[in-house]
Amino acid sequence: MTADFNELGLNQSLVDGLKKQNIEKPTDVQLQAIPLALQNKDIIGQSQTGSGKTLAYLLPIFQKVDSSKREMQAIVLAPTHELAMQIDKQIKLLAENSALPVRSEAIIGQVNIDRQIVKLREKPHIIVGSTGRILELIKRKKISAHTIKTIVIDEGDRLLDENNLGTVKDIIKTTMRDRQLMVFSATINERTLNISKELMKEAQVIKVQEKQMLNPKVEHIYVAAEQREKIEVLRKLIAALKPARGIVFINKSDEVEITTSKLRFHHINAYGIFGTAEKEERKKALEGFRSGKIQLLVASDIAARGLDIQDVTHIFNLDLPEDPKEYLHRAGRTGRVGKGGSVISVITLKEAELAKKYQKMLNVSIEEKEIYKGEIVEPGSRKSETFNKPKKR
């Protein structure tokens, strides 16, 4: 039996607001999390990418916010600036569609702090942002920690790692003891689970089993190539497939810029997501990608975390990820909302064994293809343009 949002205890304004986004039925994580969150329970929620975790915590926050008060009532912590901006965008959309006067502000680093302080004088009900900047503004007494009733840690596997845990703990310590704490992530290992429980009073653990790990409408193929030929093979794939909106994944962050330059050399409309990019430049590129002005994004798994972009038609793996969960995350960025898509991996002989392993683990067929005269063909059907095996001497 599939419940609807009314049955979860949400008010009609929120239900009507969701309908304007064409959201009428709650996902599994929303079914489990929303009733508990409305009861102010501390929650640890694990559910796959694209399963509706953001609304699972935002809807209860909206319902509990007292919009008649000019005070800060919830903080959502995000590991990347892009994710923070996306969450803030969803809050504003939900507020508009539901006609509820809930106000939010995105507070991220590398942005003029004085302007942020001015905006915080308006006392937004929900603050979304990066841990470092939020802690700094709490210390400056510009964010009123004593009025915060809920803290959400989004992508908890990253925010509770060794690099970020100290700052997250410092933020939590500034709030009242009776505040609610929620941790959500696509993957939660034993360490993250134990740390989350230590931070909470009586943690309610939600683990949504992935009924279908991969969207059956998404095709998975691979093309073999020697390491030095990968960019050339990728260029041919792009020419053959003409992706409307694609993401190229590589394993090493420091190779994003180099890969992007090589693609641009071949007149491919690509933009790399890497740490050294200026904030405004990066934002402009993502807006260009969403609007279709930029055809390809090049990113590592870390840089792509938090990117929620609709209508991605193709995922290209220039390197196979070393973790099957990352393959799932990458593949989950295409074929959203029941649509189709393609995941194409350019692999070496060494990586072929990993591809076979993923087929078994993820219960997916990754079919071998070749490129011939600008077309994707079955292997051996014609003379391949790829994977020139060394000749015997």
Protein backbone atom coordinates (compact mmCIF):
# COMPACT_ATOMS: atom_id res chain seq x y z
CA MET A 1 0.00 0.00 0.00
CA THR A 2 1.35 3.40 -0.97
CA ALA A 3 0.42 6.20 1.40
CA ASP A 4 0.06 9.80 0.33
CA PHE A 5 1.51 12.90 1.96
CA ASN A 6 -1.72 13.68 3.86
CA GLU A 7 -1.45 10.37 5.70
CA LEU A 8 2.05 11.29 6.89
CA GLY A 9 0.67 14.18 8.93
CA LEU A 10 1.68 17.04 6.63
CA ASN A 11 -0.62 20.03 6.34
CA GLN A 12 -2.59 20.65 3.16
CA SER A 13 -0.57 23.69 2.14
CA LEU A 14 2.57 21.58 1.84
CA VAL A 15 0.73 18.78 0.01
CA ASP A 16 -0.69 21.31 -2.48
CA GLY A 17 2.76 22.87 -2.88
CA LEU A 18 4.26 19.47 -3.73
CA LYS A 19 1.60 18.90 -6.39
CA LYS A 20 2.83 22.02 -8.18
CA GLN A 21 6.17 20.21 -8.48
CA ASN A 22 4.31 17.12 -9.77
CA ILE A 23 5.14 15.27 -6.55
CA GLU A 24 2.09 13.36 -5.32
CA LYS A 25 3.39 10.16 -3.72
CA PRO A 26 6.10 9.96 -1.05
CA THR A 27 9.20 7.87 -1.68
CA ASP A 28 10.24 5.12 0.73
CA VAL A 29 12.65 7.31 2.67
CA GLN A 30 9.97 10.03 2.96
CA LEU A 31 7.40 7.49 4.17
CA GLN A 32 9.70 6.42 6.98
CA ALA A 33 11.40 9.70 7.89
CA ILE A 34 8.61 12.29 7.83
CA PRO A 35 6.42 10.87 10.67
CA LEU A 36 9.49 10.40 12.90
CA ALA A 37 10.82 13.88 12.09
CA LEU A 38 7.44 15.44 12.92
CA GLN A 39 7.75 13.79 16.35
CA ASN A 40 11.14 15.52 16.82
CA LYS A 41 13.02 12.21 16.77
CA ASP A 42 16.73 12.15 15.99
CA ILE A 43 17.15 10.33 12.67
CA ILE A 44 19.92 8.58 10.73
CA GLY A 45 18.63 8.03 7.20
CA GLN A 46 20.33 6.08 4.43
CA SER A 47 18.79 6.01 0.97
CA GLN A 48 20.20 5.97 -2.54
CA THR A 49 20.93 9.03 -4.68
CA GLY A 50 17.78 10.56 -6.16
CA SER A 51 15.41 8.95 -3.63
CA GLY A 52 14.01 12.19 -2.16
CA LYS A 53 16.11 12.64 0.98
CA THR A 54 16.04 16.45 0.78
CA LEU A 55 12.24 16.64 1.03
CA ALA A 56 12.31 13.90 3.68
CA TYR A 57 13.83 16.42 6.09
CA LEU A 58 12.63 19.73 4.60
CA LEU A 59 8.89 18.93 4.77
CA PRO A 60 8.90 18.29 8.56
CA ILE A 61 11.06 21.39 9.10
CA PHE A 62 8.54 23.49 7.14
CA GLN A 63 5.66 22.10 9.18
CA LYS A 64 7.39 22.84 12.50
CA VAL A 65 8.74 26.30 11.68
CA ASP A 66 6.85 29.06 13.47
CA SER A 67 6.82 31.61 10.66
CA SER A 68 5.24 34.24 12.92
CA LYS A 69 8.57 34.52 14.77
CA ARG A 70 11.54 36.42 13.38
CA GLU A 71 14.08 33.89 14.54
CA MET A 72 16.42 31.26 13.09
CA GLN A 73 14.96 27.81 13.73
CA ALA A 74 16.83 25.26 11.56
CA ILE A 75 20.31 24.73 10.12
CA VAL A 76 21.05 22.43 7.18
CA LEU A 77 24.74 21.61 6.78
CA ALA A 78 25.98 20.60 3.31
CA PRO A 79 29.45 19.45 2.18
CA THR A 80 29.54 21.47 -1.06
CA HIS A 81 28.46 24.97 -2.04
CA GLU A 82 26.44 23.58 -4.96
CA LEU A 83 24.43 21.30 -2.70
CA ALA A 84 23.78 24.16 -0.27
CA MET A 85 22.50 26.35 -3.11
CA GLN A 86 20.28 23.53 -4.43
CA ILE A 87 18.74 22.93 -0.99
CA ASP A 88 18.12 26.65 -0.57
CA LYS A 89 16.51 26.74 -4.01
CA GLN A 90 14.20 23.85 -3.02
CA ILE A 91 13.24 25.66 0.20
CA LYS A 92 12.33 28.82 -1.70
CA LEU A 93 10.35 26.82 -4.28
CA LEU A 94 8.45 24.95 -1.57
CA ALA A 95 7.72 28.20 0.27
CA GLU A 96 6.40 29.79 -2.92
CA ASN A 97 4.31 26.80 -4.02
CA SER A 98 2.82 26.18 -0.58
CA ALA A 99 2.28 29.91 0.12
CA LEU A 100 4.00 29.49 3.49
CA PRO A 101 6.09 32.48 4.67
CA VAL A 102 9.17 30.38 5.49
CA ARG A 103 12.38 32.23 4.68
CA SER A 104 15.84 30.79 4.09
CA GLU A 105 19.37 31.96 3.39
CA ALA A 106 22.35 30.13 1.89
CA ILE A 107 25.53 30.81 3.86
CA ILE A 108 28.67 29.51 2.16
CA GLY A 109 32.38 30.24 2.31
CA GLN A 110 34.38 32.26 -0.23
CA VAL A 111 31.52 34.77 -0.36
CA ASN A 112 31.57 38.29 1.13
CA ILE A 113 30.80 37.72 4.81
CA ASP A 114 29.58 41.28 5.42
CA ARG A 115 26.79 40.82 2.86
CA GLN A 116 25.82 37.59 4.57
CA ILE A 117 25.66 39.36 7.92
CA VAL A 118 23.29 41.96 6.42
CA LYS A 119 21.01 39.19 5.12
CA LEU A 120 21.07 37.41 8.48
CA ARG A 121 19.60 40.51 10.13
CA GLU A 122 16.32 39.50 8.45
CA LYS A 123 16.34 36.39 10.68
CA PRO A 124 15.72 33.66 8.06
CA HIS A 125 13.93 30.64 9.54
CA ILE A 126 16.24 28.14 7.82
CA ILE A 127 19.96 28.55 7.22
CA VAL A 128 21.67 26.29 4.68
CA GLY A 129 25.39 26.26 4.19
CA SER A 130 28.93 25.12 4.72
CA THR A 131 30.17 24.19 8.18
CA GLY A 132 33.13 26.58 8.40
CA ARG A 133 31.25 29.75 7.51
CA ILE A 134 28.22 28.86 9.67
CA LEU A 135 30.45 28.20 12.71
CA GLU A 136 32.27 31.50 12.12
CA LEU A 137 28.96 33.40 12.06
CA ILE A 138 27.74 31.60 15.19
CA LYS A 139 30.93 32.68 16.98
CA ARG A 140 30.34 36.25 15.80
CA LYS A 141 26.81 35.94 17.22
CA LYS A 142 25.27 36.65 13.81
CA ILE A 143 23.53 33.25 13.79
CA SER A 144 21.42 32.75 16.91
CA ALA A 145 22.32 29.17 17.85
CA HIS A 146 20.13 29.18 20.97
CA THR A 147 16.94 29.42 18.86
CA ILE A 148 17.89 26.53 16.54
CA LYS A 149 15.51 23.61 17.01
CA THR A 150 16.70 21.31 14.19
CA ILE A 151 20.09 20.57 12.64
CA VAL A 152 20.35 18.48 9.47
CA ILE A 153 23.64 16.98 8.34
CA ASP A 154 23.22 16.26 4.63
CA GLU A 155 25.62 13.76 3.05
CA GLY A 156 26.66 12.65 6.51
CA ASP A 157 29.33 10.27 5.21
CA ARG A 158 31.33 13.32 4.16
CA LEU A 159 30.45 15.82 6.88
CA LEU A 160 31.23 13.33 9.63
CA ASP A 161 34.59 12.28 8.20
CA GLU A 162 37.89 13.14 9.88
CA ASN A 163 38.22 16.46 8.03
CA ASN A 164 34.80 17.88 8.97
CA LEU A 165 33.71 16.16 12.18
CA GLY A 166 35.33 18.67 14.54
CA THR A 167 33.55 21.66 12.97
CA VAL A 168 30.20 19.84 12.90
CA LYS A 169 30.55 18.95 16.59
CA ASP A 170 31.41 22.58 17.43
CA ILE A 171 28.22 23.76 15.68
CA ILE A 172 26.07 21.21 17.50
CA LYS A 173 27.58 22.21 20.87
CA THR A 174 26.41 25.82 20.40
CA THR A 175 22.74 24.76 20.21
CA MET A 176 20.34 23.76 22.99
CA ARG A 177 20.39 20.16 24.22
CA ASP A 178 16.78 19.49 23.22
CA ARG A 179 17.33 20.34 19.55
CA GLN A 180 16.62 17.69 16.93
CA LEU A 181 19.48 16.19 14.88
CA MET A 182 19.06 14.42 11.53
CA VAL A 183 21.78 12.79 9.41
CA PHE A 184 21.06 11.74 5.82
CA SER A 185 23.32 10.13 3.24
CA ALA A 186 23.31 7.77 0.26
CA THR A 187 25.94 5.64 1.97
CA ILE A 188 26.56 5.29 5.70
CA ASN A 189 29.39 3.07 6.88
CA GLU A 190 29.82 1.67 10.39
CA ARG A 191 32.02 4.58 11.51
CA THR A 192 29.53 7.23 10.34
CA LEU A 193 26.67 5.29 11.95
CA ASN A 194 28.45 5.09 15.31
CA ILE A 195 29.48 8.77 15.28
CA SER A 196 25.90 9.80 14.41
CA LYS A 197 24.53 7.74 17.31
CA GLU A 198 27.02 9.33 19.71
CA LEU A 199 25.80 12.79 18.71
CA MET A 200 22.14 11.90 19.19
CA LYS A 201 19.81 11.13 22.09
CA GLU A 202 17.90 8.09 20.81
CA ALA A 203 18.70 7.66 17.14
CA GLN A 204 16.04 6.25 14.84
CA VAL A 205 17.88 4.44 12.04
CA ILE A 206 16.25 4.29 8.60
CA LYS A 207 17.84 2.16 5.89
CA VAL A 208 15.88 2.04 2.68
CA GLN A 209 16.63 -1.10 0.72
CA GLU A 210 17.27 -0.36 -2.92
CA LYS A 211 14.56 -2.30 -4.73
CA GLN A 212 16.11 -1.60 -8.10
CA MET A 213 19.73 -0.58 -7.72
CA LEU A 214 19.89 0.80 -11.24
CA ASN A 215 17.20 2.28 -13.45
CA PRO A 216 16.30 -0.44 -16.00
CA LYS A 217 15.76 2.27 -18.64
CA VAL A 218 19.44 3.21 -18.50
CA GLU A 219 21.77 1.31 -20.83
CA HIS A 220 25.30 0.41 -19.75
CA ILE A 221 28.05 -0.13 -22.31
CA TYR A 222 31.83 -0.08 -22.46
CA VAL A 223 34.35 0.59 -25.18
CA ALA A 224 37.87 -0.80 -24.82
CA ALA A 225 40.88 1.47 -25.28
CA GLU A 226 44.50 1.71 -24.29
CA GLN A 227 45.14 4.28 -21.57
CA ARG A 228 46.86 6.75 -23.90
CA GLU A 229 43.94 6.59 -26.38
CA LYS A 230 41.12 7.21 -23.91
CA ILE A 231 40.60 10.90 -24.73
CA GLU A 232 40.53 10.17 -28.47
CA VAL A 233 37.98 7.38 -27.92
CA LEU A 234 35.90 9.71 -25.73
CA ARG A 235 36.03 12.34 -28.49
CA LYS A 236 34.72 9.78 -31.01
CA LEU A 237 31.97 8.70 -28.61
CA ILE A 238 30.85 12.29 -28.13
CA ALA A 239 30.84 12.83 -31.91
CA ALA A 240 28.80 9.65 -32.43
CA LEU A 241 26.31 10.09 -29.60
CA LYS A 242 25.96 13.88 -29.62
CA PRO A 243 24.94 14.03 -25.94
CA ALA A 244 22.59 16.89 -25.09
CA ARG A 245 23.82 17.01 -21.51
CA GLY A 246 26.58 14.69 -20.27
CA ILE A 247 28.96 14.29 -17.33
CA VAL A 248 32.47 12.88 -17.79
CA PHE A 249 33.81 11.23 -14.63
CA ILE A 250 37.47 10.69 -13.83
CA ASN A 251 38.96 9.30 -10.62
CA LYS A 252 41.62 11.90 -9.85
CA SER A 253 40.55 15.47 -9.08
CA ASP A 254 43.87 16.91 -10.24
CA GLU A 255 43.29 15.55 -13.77
CA VAL A 256 39.96 17.34 -14.30
CA GLU A 257 41.53 20.51 -15.68
CA ILE A 258 43.87 18.60 -18.01
CA THR A 259 41.04 16.43 -19.35
CA THR A 260 38.82 19.47 -19.91
CA SER A 261 41.60 21.25 -21.84
CA LYS A 262 42.10 18.23 -24.09
CA LEU A 263 38.37 18.06 -24.86
CA ARG A 264 38.25 21.78 -25.61
CA PHE A 265 41.22 21.37 -27.94
CA HIS A 266 38.94 19.11 -29.98
CA HIS A 267 36.27 21.87 -29.97
CA ILE A 268 34.06 20.05 -27.48
CA ASN A 269 31.91 22.32 -25.31
CA ALA A 270 33.17 21.05 -21.93
CA TYR A 271 33.68 22.62 -18.51
CA GLY A 272 35.61 21.12 -15.60
CA ILE A 273 34.36 21.22 -12.01
CA PHE A 274 37.51 21.58 -9.91
CA GLY A 275 38.47 23.27 -6.69
CA THR A 276 40.54 26.09 -8.17
CA ALA A 277 37.65 27.48 -10.23
CA GLU A 278 36.33 30.84 -9.07
CA LYS A 279 32.95 30.60 -7.34
CA GLU A 280 31.10 32.84 -9.80
CA GLU A 281 32.74 31.09 -12.77
CA ARG A 282 31.67 27.70 -11.43
CA LYS A 283 28.13 28.89 -10.75
CA LYS A 284 27.89 30.35 -14.25
CA ALA A 285 29.10 27.06 -15.75
CA LEU A 286 26.53 25.00 -13.84
CA GLU A 287 23.77 27.37 -14.93
CA GLY A 288 25.04 27.02 -18.50
CA PHE A 289 25.01 23.25 -18.19
CA ARG A 290 21.46 23.23 -16.83
CA SER A 291 20.28 25.51 -19.62
CA GLY A 292 22.02 23.47 -22.32
CA LYS A 293 24.63 26.07 -23.28
CA ILE A 294 27.39 23.78 -21.96
CA GLN A 295 27.30 20.22 -23.30
CA LEU A 296 29.64 18.39 -20.92
CA LEU A 297 30.81 18.68 -17.34
CA VAL A 298 34.08 16.99 -16.35
CA ALA A 299 34.28 16.05 -12.67
CA SER A 300 35.64 13.69 -10.04
CA ASP A 301 33.24 11.89 -7.69
CA ILE A 302 34.08 14.32 -4.88
CA ALA A 303 33.56 17.42 -7.03
CA ALA A 304 30.24 16.08 -8.35
CA ARG A 305 28.77 15.36 -4.92
CA GLY A 306 25.64 17.41 -4.38
CA LEU A 307 25.10 18.19 -8.05
CA ASP A 308 21.43 17.51 -8.76
CA ILE A 309 20.91 18.25 -12.43
CA GLN A 310 17.85 17.08 -14.31
CA ASP A 311 17.84 15.64 -17.84
CA VAL A 312 21.44 14.39 -17.92
CA THR A 313 21.40 12.14 -20.99
CA HIS A 314 24.85 10.53 -20.81
CA ILE A 315 27.40 9.55 -18.18
CA PHE A 316 30.93 8.88 -19.46
CA ASN A 317 33.37 7.01 -17.21
CA LEU A 318 36.83 7.94 -18.45
CA ASP A 319 38.04 5.91 -15.46
CA LEU A 320 36.03 3.13 -13.84
CA PRO A 321 35.46 4.01 -10.18
CA GLU A 322 37.23 1.77 -7.69
CA ASP A 323 34.10 1.45 -5.54
CA PRO A 324 30.87 -0.09 -6.94
CA LYS A 325 28.84 2.42 -4.90
CA GLU A 326 30.45 5.24 -6.87
CA TYR A 327 29.41 3.51 -10.11
CA LEU A 328 25.86 3.53 -8.71
CA HIS A 329 26.12 7.22 -7.81
CA ARG A 330 27.41 8.11 -11.26
CA ALA A 331 24.79 6.03 -13.07
CA GLY A 332 22.09 7.54 -10.85
CA ARG A 333 22.72 10.98 -12.34
CA THR A 334 21.07 9.98 -15.61
CA GLY A 335 17.63 8.45 -16.11
CA ARG A 336 16.09 10.50 -13.29
CA VAL A 337 12.34 10.45 -12.68
CA GLY A 338 11.86 7.30 -14.75
CA LYS A 339 13.59 8.62 -17.87
CA GLY A 340 16.16 6.75 -19.94
CA GLY A 341 19.87 7.42 -20.26
CA SER A 342 23.25 5.92 -21.07
CA VAL A 343 26.35 5.09 -19.04
CA ILE A 344 29.41 4.59 -21.23
CA SER A 345 32.73 3.47 -19.78
CA VAL A 346 36.02 3.74 -21.64
CA ILE A 347 38.14 0.97 -20.17
CA THR A 348 41.52 -0.69 -20.47
CA LEU A 349 42.12 -4.45 -20.39
CA LYS A 350 43.01 -4.09 -16.72
CA GLU A 351 39.71 -2.37 -15.97
CA ALA A 352 37.75 -5.05 -17.88
CA GLU A 353 38.00 -7.35 -14.85
CA LEU A 354 36.50 -4.61 -12.68
CA ALA A 355 33.65 -4.19 -15.18
CA LYS A 356 32.88 -7.93 -14.95
CA LYS A 357 32.88 -7.66 -11.16
CA TYR A 358 30.39 -4.76 -11.26
CA GLN A 359 28.07 -6.69 -13.54
CA LYS A 360 27.75 -9.42 -10.92
CA MET A 361 27.62 -7.13 -7.88
CA LEU A 362 25.13 -4.66 -9.33
CA ASN A 363 23.16 -7.17 -11.39
CA VAL A 364 23.58 -5.12 -14.55
CA SER A 365 24.61 -5.96 -18.08
CA ILE A 366 27.49 -3.79 -19.30
CA GLU A 367 27.67 -4.55 -23.01
CA GLU A 368 30.85 -4.24 -25.06
CA LYS A 369 30.68 -1.94 -28.08
CA GLU A 370 33.11 -0.57 -30.64
CA ILE A 371 33.33 2.57 -32.77
CA TYR A 372 33.45 2.25 -36.56
CA LYS A 373 33.18 5.16 -38.96
CA GLY A 374 31.53 7.38 -36.35
CA GLU A 375 28.99 4.77 -35.23
CA ILE A 376 28.63 2.59 -32.16
CA VAL A 377 28.63 -1.05 -33.35
CA GLU A 378 28.69 -4.57 -31.96
CA PRO A 379 32.20 -5.91 -31.25
CA GLY A 380 33.75 -7.85 -34.10
CA SER A 381 31.00 -6.89 -36.53
CA ARG A 382 33.35 -4.55 -38.34
CA LYS A 383 36.95 -3.49 -38.02
CA SER A 384 37.15 -1.52 -34.79
CA GLU A 385 38.69 1.93 -34.53
CA THR A 386 39.46 1.34 -30.85
CA PHE A 387 41.72 -0.77 -28.74
CA ASN A 388 44.54 -1.45 -31.16
CA LYS A 389 46.15 -4.46 -29.57
CA PRO A 390 49.93 -4.66 -29.76
CA LYS A 391 51.09 -6.66 -32.77
CA LYS A 392 53.05 -9.85 -32.15
CA ARG A 393 56.64 -9.66 -33.20
